[in-house]
């Protein structure tokens, strides 16, 4: 679980820096990140 949590934290941090550019795809990036977090959470056995 620890590894998956660290991975999701990195992904969220990366996503935050990407959306900070304000290039108009913020909502799409956030949706993608949310889907990825759910996939990681499910694969971790929760």
PDB file of N, CA and C in Angstrom:
ATOM      1  N   UNK A   1       0.834  -1.206   0.000  1.00  0.00           N
ATOM      2  CA  UNK A   1       0.000   0.000   0.000  1.00  0.00           C
ATOM      3  C   UNK A   1       0.864   1.249   0.000  1.00  0.00           C
ATOM      4  N   UNK A   2       1.958   1.207   0.757  1.00  0.00           N
ATOM      5  CA  UNK A   2       2.836   2.374   0.843  1.00  0.00           C
ATOM      6  C   UNK A   2       3.357   2.804  -0.513  1.00  0.00           C
ATOM      7  N   UNK A   3       3.732   1.823  -1.312  1.00  0.00           N
ATOM      8  CA  UNK A   3       4.272   2.139  -2.635  1.00  0.00           C
ATOM      9  C   UNK A   3       3.210   2.794  -3.499  1.00  0.00           C
ATOM     10  N   UNK A   4       2.003   2.244  -3.477  1.00  0.00           N
ATOM     11  CA  UNK A   4       0.923   2.809  -4.278  1.00  0.00           C
ATOM     12  C   UNK A   4       0.572   4.214  -3.820  1.00  0.00           C
ATOM     13  N   UNK A   5       0.618   4.429  -2.497  1.00  0.00           N
ATOM     14  CA  UNK A   5       0.319   5.761  -1.978  1.00  0.00           C
ATOM     15  C   UNK A   5       1.365   6.757  -2.448  1.00  0.00           C
ATOM     16  N   UNK A   6       2.624   6.359  -2.409  1.00  0.00           N
ATOM     17  CA  UNK A   6       3.702   7.235  -2.863  1.00  0.00           C
ATOM     18  C   UNK A   6       3.545   7.544  -4.347  1.00  0.00           C
ATOM     19  N   UNK A   7       3.192   6.529  -5.114  1.00  0.00           N
ATOM     20  CA  UNK A   7       3.006   6.713  -6.553  1.00  0.00           C
ATOM     21  C   UNK A   7       1.896   7.711  -6.834  1.00  0.00           C
ATOM     22  N   UNK A   8       0.777   7.556  -6.141  1.00  0.00           N
ATOM     23  CA  UNK A   8      -0.342   8.467  -6.376  1.00  0.00           C
ATOM     24  C   UNK A   8       0.006   9.882  -5.944  1.00  0.00           C
ATOM     25  N   UNK A   9       0.817  10.010  -4.894  1.00  0.00           N
ATOM     26  CA  UNK A   9       1.242  11.334  -4.441  1.00  0.00           C
ATOM     27  C   UNK A   9       2.089  12.012  -5.507  1.00  0.00           C
ATOM     28  N   UNK A  10       2.996  11.255  -6.106  1.00  0.00           N
ATOM     29  CA  UNK A  10       3.836  11.797  -7.180  1.00  0.00           C
ATOM     30  C   UNK A  10       2.976  12.213  -8.361  1.00  0.00           C
ATOM     31  N   UNK A  11       2.014  11.370  -8.712  1.00  0.00           N
ATOM     32  CA  UNK A  11       1.135  11.668  -9.845  1.00  0.00           C
ATOM     33  C   UNK A  11       0.335  12.938  -9.591  1.00  0.00           C
ATOM     34  N   UNK A  12      -0.181  13.071  -8.375  1.00  0.00           N
ATOM     35  CA  UNK A  12      -0.954  14.264  -8.032  1.00  0.00           C
ATOM     36  C   UNK A  12      -0.069  15.500  -8.090  1.00  0.00           C
ATOM     37  N   UNK A  13       1.164  15.398  -7.586  1.00  0.00           N
ATOM     38  CA  UNK A  13       2.086  16.529  -7.621  1.00  0.00           C
ATOM     39  C   UNK A  13       2.408  16.916  -9.058  1.00  0.00           C
ATOM     40  N   UNK A  14       2.630  15.916  -9.893  1.00  0.00           N
ATOM     41  CA  UNK A  14       2.915  16.163 -11.303  1.00  0.00           C
ATOM     42  C   UNK A  14       1.723  16.825 -11.972  1.00  0.00           C
ATOM     43  N   UNK A  15       0.533  16.322 -11.674  1.00  0.00           N
ATOM     44  CA  UNK A  15      -0.676  16.892 -12.250  1.00  0.00           C
ATOM     45  C   UNK A  15      -0.877  18.335 -11.840  1.00  0.00           C
ATOM     46  N   UNK A  16      -0.548  18.643 -10.580  1.00  0.00           N
ATOM     47  CA  UNK A  16      -0.699  20.010 -10.097  1.00  0.00           C
ATOM     48  C   UNK A  16       0.216  20.948 -10.868  1.00  0.00           C
ATOM     49  N   UNK A  17       1.446  20.525 -11.127  1.00  0.00           N
ATOM     50  CA  UNK A  17       2.376  21.375 -11.858  1.00  0.00           C
ATOM     51  C   UNK A  17       1.949  21.528 -13.312  1.00  0.00           C
ATOM     52  N   UNK A  18       1.332  20.487 -13.862  1.00  0.00           N
ATOM     53  CA  UNK A  18       0.850  20.560 -15.244  1.00  0.00           C
ATOM     54  C   UNK A  18      -0.315  21.536 -15.350  1.00  0.00           C
ATOM     55  N   UNK A  19      -1.264  21.432 -14.410  1.00  0.00           N
ATOM     56  CA  UNK A  19      -2.441  22.290 -14.488  1.00  0.00           C
ATOM     57  C   UNK A  19      -2.096  23.737 -14.174  1.00  0.00           C
ATOM     58  N   UNK A  20      -0.986  23.969 -13.480  1.00  0.00           N
ATOM     59  CA  UNK A  20      -0.576  25.333 -13.168  1.00  0.00           C
ATOM     60  C   UNK A  20      -0.224  26.123 -14.425  1.00  0.00           C
ATOM     61  N   UNK A  21       0.034  25.439 -15.533  1.00  0.00           N
ATOM     62  CA  UNK A  21       0.371  26.136 -16.761  1.00  0.00           C
ATOM     63  C   UNK A  21      -0.840  26.865 -17.322  1.00  0.00           C
ATOM     64  N   UNK A  22      -2.033  26.430 -16.928  1.00  0.00           N
ATOM     65  CA  UNK A  22      -3.248  27.118 -17.360  1.00  0.00           C
ATOM     66  C   UNK A  22      -3.429  27.103 -18.857  1.00  0.00           C
ATOM     67  N   UNK A  23      -3.184  25.965 -19.473  1.00  0.00           N
ATOM     68  CA  UNK A  23      -3.249  25.885 -20.932  1.00  0.00           C
ATOM     69  C   UNK A  23      -4.613  25.448 -21.446  1.00  0.00           C
ATOM     70  N   UNK A  24      -5.611  25.436 -20.566  1.00  0.00           N
ATOM     71  CA  UNK A  24      -6.968  25.172 -21.024  1.00  0.00           C
ATOM     72  C   UNK A  24      -7.407  23.723 -20.950  1.00  0.00           C
ATOM     73  N   UNK A  25      -6.518  22.825 -20.523  1.00  0.00           N
ATOM     74  CA  UNK A  25      -6.904  21.416 -20.433  1.00  0.00           C
ATOM     75  C   UNK A  25      -6.936  20.958 -18.979  1.00  0.00           C
ATOM     76  N   UNK A  26      -7.072  21.940 -18.077  1.00  0.00           N
ATOM     77  CA  UNK A  26      -7.036  21.641 -16.647  1.00  0.00           C
ATOM     78  C   UNK A  26      -8.053  20.571 -16.268  1.00  0.00           C
ATOM     79  N   UNK A  27      -9.288  20.746 -16.701  1.00  0.00           N
ATOM     80  CA  UNK A  27     -10.340  19.809 -16.307  1.00  0.00           C
ATOM     81  C   UNK A  27     -10.071  18.414 -16.868  1.00  0.00           C
ATOM     82  N   UNK A  28      -9.547  18.342 -18.091  1.00  0.00           N
ATOM     83  CA  UNK A  28      -9.243  17.043 -18.683  1.00  0.00           C
ATOM     84  C   UNK A  28      -8.135  16.345 -17.917  1.00  0.00           C
ATOM     85  N   UNK A  29      -7.108  17.107 -17.540  1.00  0.00           N
ATOM     86  CA  UNK A  29      -5.995  16.539 -16.781  1.00  0.00           C
ATOM     87  C   UNK A  29      -6.475  16.051 -15.425  1.00  0.00           C
ATOM     88  N   UNK A  30      -7.321  16.869 -14.779  1.00  0.00           N
ATOM     89  CA  UNK A  30      -7.825  16.481 -13.459  1.00  0.00           C
ATOM     90  C   UNK A  30      -8.679  15.220 -13.550  1.00  0.00           C
ATOM     91  N   UNK A  31      -9.490  15.103 -14.592  1.00  0.00           N
ATOM     92  CA  UNK A  31     -10.299  13.898 -14.778  1.00  0.00           C
ATOM     93  C   UNK A  31      -9.409  12.682 -14.987  1.00  0.00           C
ATOM     94  N   UNK A  32      -8.357  12.853 -15.790  1.00  0.00           N
ATOM     95  CA  UNK A  32      -7.428  11.751 -16.048  1.00  0.00           C
ATOM     96  C   UNK A  32      -6.729  11.336 -14.767  1.00  0.00           C
ATOM     97  N   UNK A  33      -6.295  12.310 -13.973  1.00  0.00           N
ATOM     98  CA  UNK A  33      -5.627  12.006 -12.711  1.00  0.00           C
ATOM     99  C   UNK A  33      -6.562  11.281 -11.762  1.00  0.00           C
ATOM    100  N   UNK A  34      -7.825  11.707 -11.726  1.00  0.00           N
ATOM    101  CA  UNK A  34      -8.790  11.055 -10.845  1.00  0.00           C
ATOM    102  C   UNK A  34      -8.992   9.600 -11.256  1.00  0.00           C
ATOM    103  N   UNK A  35      -9.115   9.355 -12.557  1.00  0.00           N
ATOM    104  CA  UNK A  35      -9.262   7.983 -13.051  1.00  0.00           C
ATOM    105  C   UNK A  35      -8.044   7.148 -12.691  1.00  0.00           C
ATOM    106  N   UNK A  36      -6.859   7.745 -12.809  1.00  0.00           N
ATOM    107  CA  UNK A  36      -5.632   7.022 -12.508  1.00  0.00           C
ATOM    108  C   UNK A  36      -5.549   6.693 -11.026  1.00  0.00           C
ATOM    109  N   UNK A  37      -5.936   7.637 -10.169  1.00  0.00           N
ATOM    110  CA  UNK A  37      -5.930   7.388  -8.722  1.00  0.00           C
ATOM    111  C   UNK A  37      -6.873   6.248  -8.372  1.00  0.00           C
ATOM    112  N   UNK A  38      -8.047   6.223  -9.012  1.00  0.00           N
ATOM    113  CA  UNK A  38      -9.005   5.145  -8.761  1.00  0.00           C
ATOM    114  C   UNK A  38      -8.413   3.805  -9.196  1.00  0.00           C
ATOM    115  N   UNK A  39      -7.759   3.785 -10.335  1.00  0.00           N
ATOM    116  CA  UNK A  39      -7.153   2.548 -10.830  1.00  0.00           C
ATOM    117  C   UNK A  39      -6.070   2.054  -9.878  1.00  0.00           C
ATOM    118  N   UNK A  40      -5.262   2.961  -9.377  1.00  0.00           N
ATOM    119  CA  UNK A  40      -4.208   2.598  -8.427  1.00  0.00           C
ATOM    120  C   UNK A  40      -4.821   2.075  -7.139  1.00  0.00           C
ATOM    121  N   UNK A  41      -5.871   2.752  -6.684  1.00  0.00           N
ATOM    122  CA  UNK A  41      -6.537   2.353  -5.439  1.00  0.00           C
ATOM    123  C   UNK A  41      -7.133   0.957  -5.576  1.00  0.00           C
ATOM    124  N   UNK A  42      -7.783   0.692  -6.693  1.00  0.00           N
ATOM    125  CA  UNK A  42      -8.395  -0.618  -6.926  1.00  0.00           C
ATOM    126  C   UNK A  42      -7.318  -1.697  -7.013  1.00  0.00           C
ATOM    127  N   UNK A  43      -6.227  -1.402  -7.707  1.00  0.00           N
ATOM    128  CA  UNK A  43      -5.182  -2.408  -7.892  1.00  0.00           C
ATOM    129  C   UNK A  43      -4.429  -2.691  -6.599  1.00  0.00           C
ATOM    130  N   UNK A  44      -4.528  -1.778  -5.628  1.00  0.00           N
ATOM    131  CA  UNK A  44      -3.830  -1.977  -4.357  1.00  0.00           C
ATOM    132  C   UNK A  44      -4.570  -2.958  -3.459  1.00  0.00           C
ATOM    133  N   UNK A  45      -5.764  -3.376  -3.871  1.00  0.00           N
ATOM    134  CA  UNK A  45      -6.497  -4.383  -3.120  1.00  0.00           C
ATOM    135  C   UNK A  45      -7.478  -3.817  -2.121  1.00  0.00           C
ATOM    136  N   UNK A  46      -7.778  -2.534  -2.209  1.00  0.00           N
ATOM    137  CA  UNK A  46      -8.758  -1.928  -1.316  1.00  0.00           C
ATOM    138  C   UNK A  46     -10.158  -2.274  -1.799  1.00  0.00           C
TER     139      UNK A  46
END
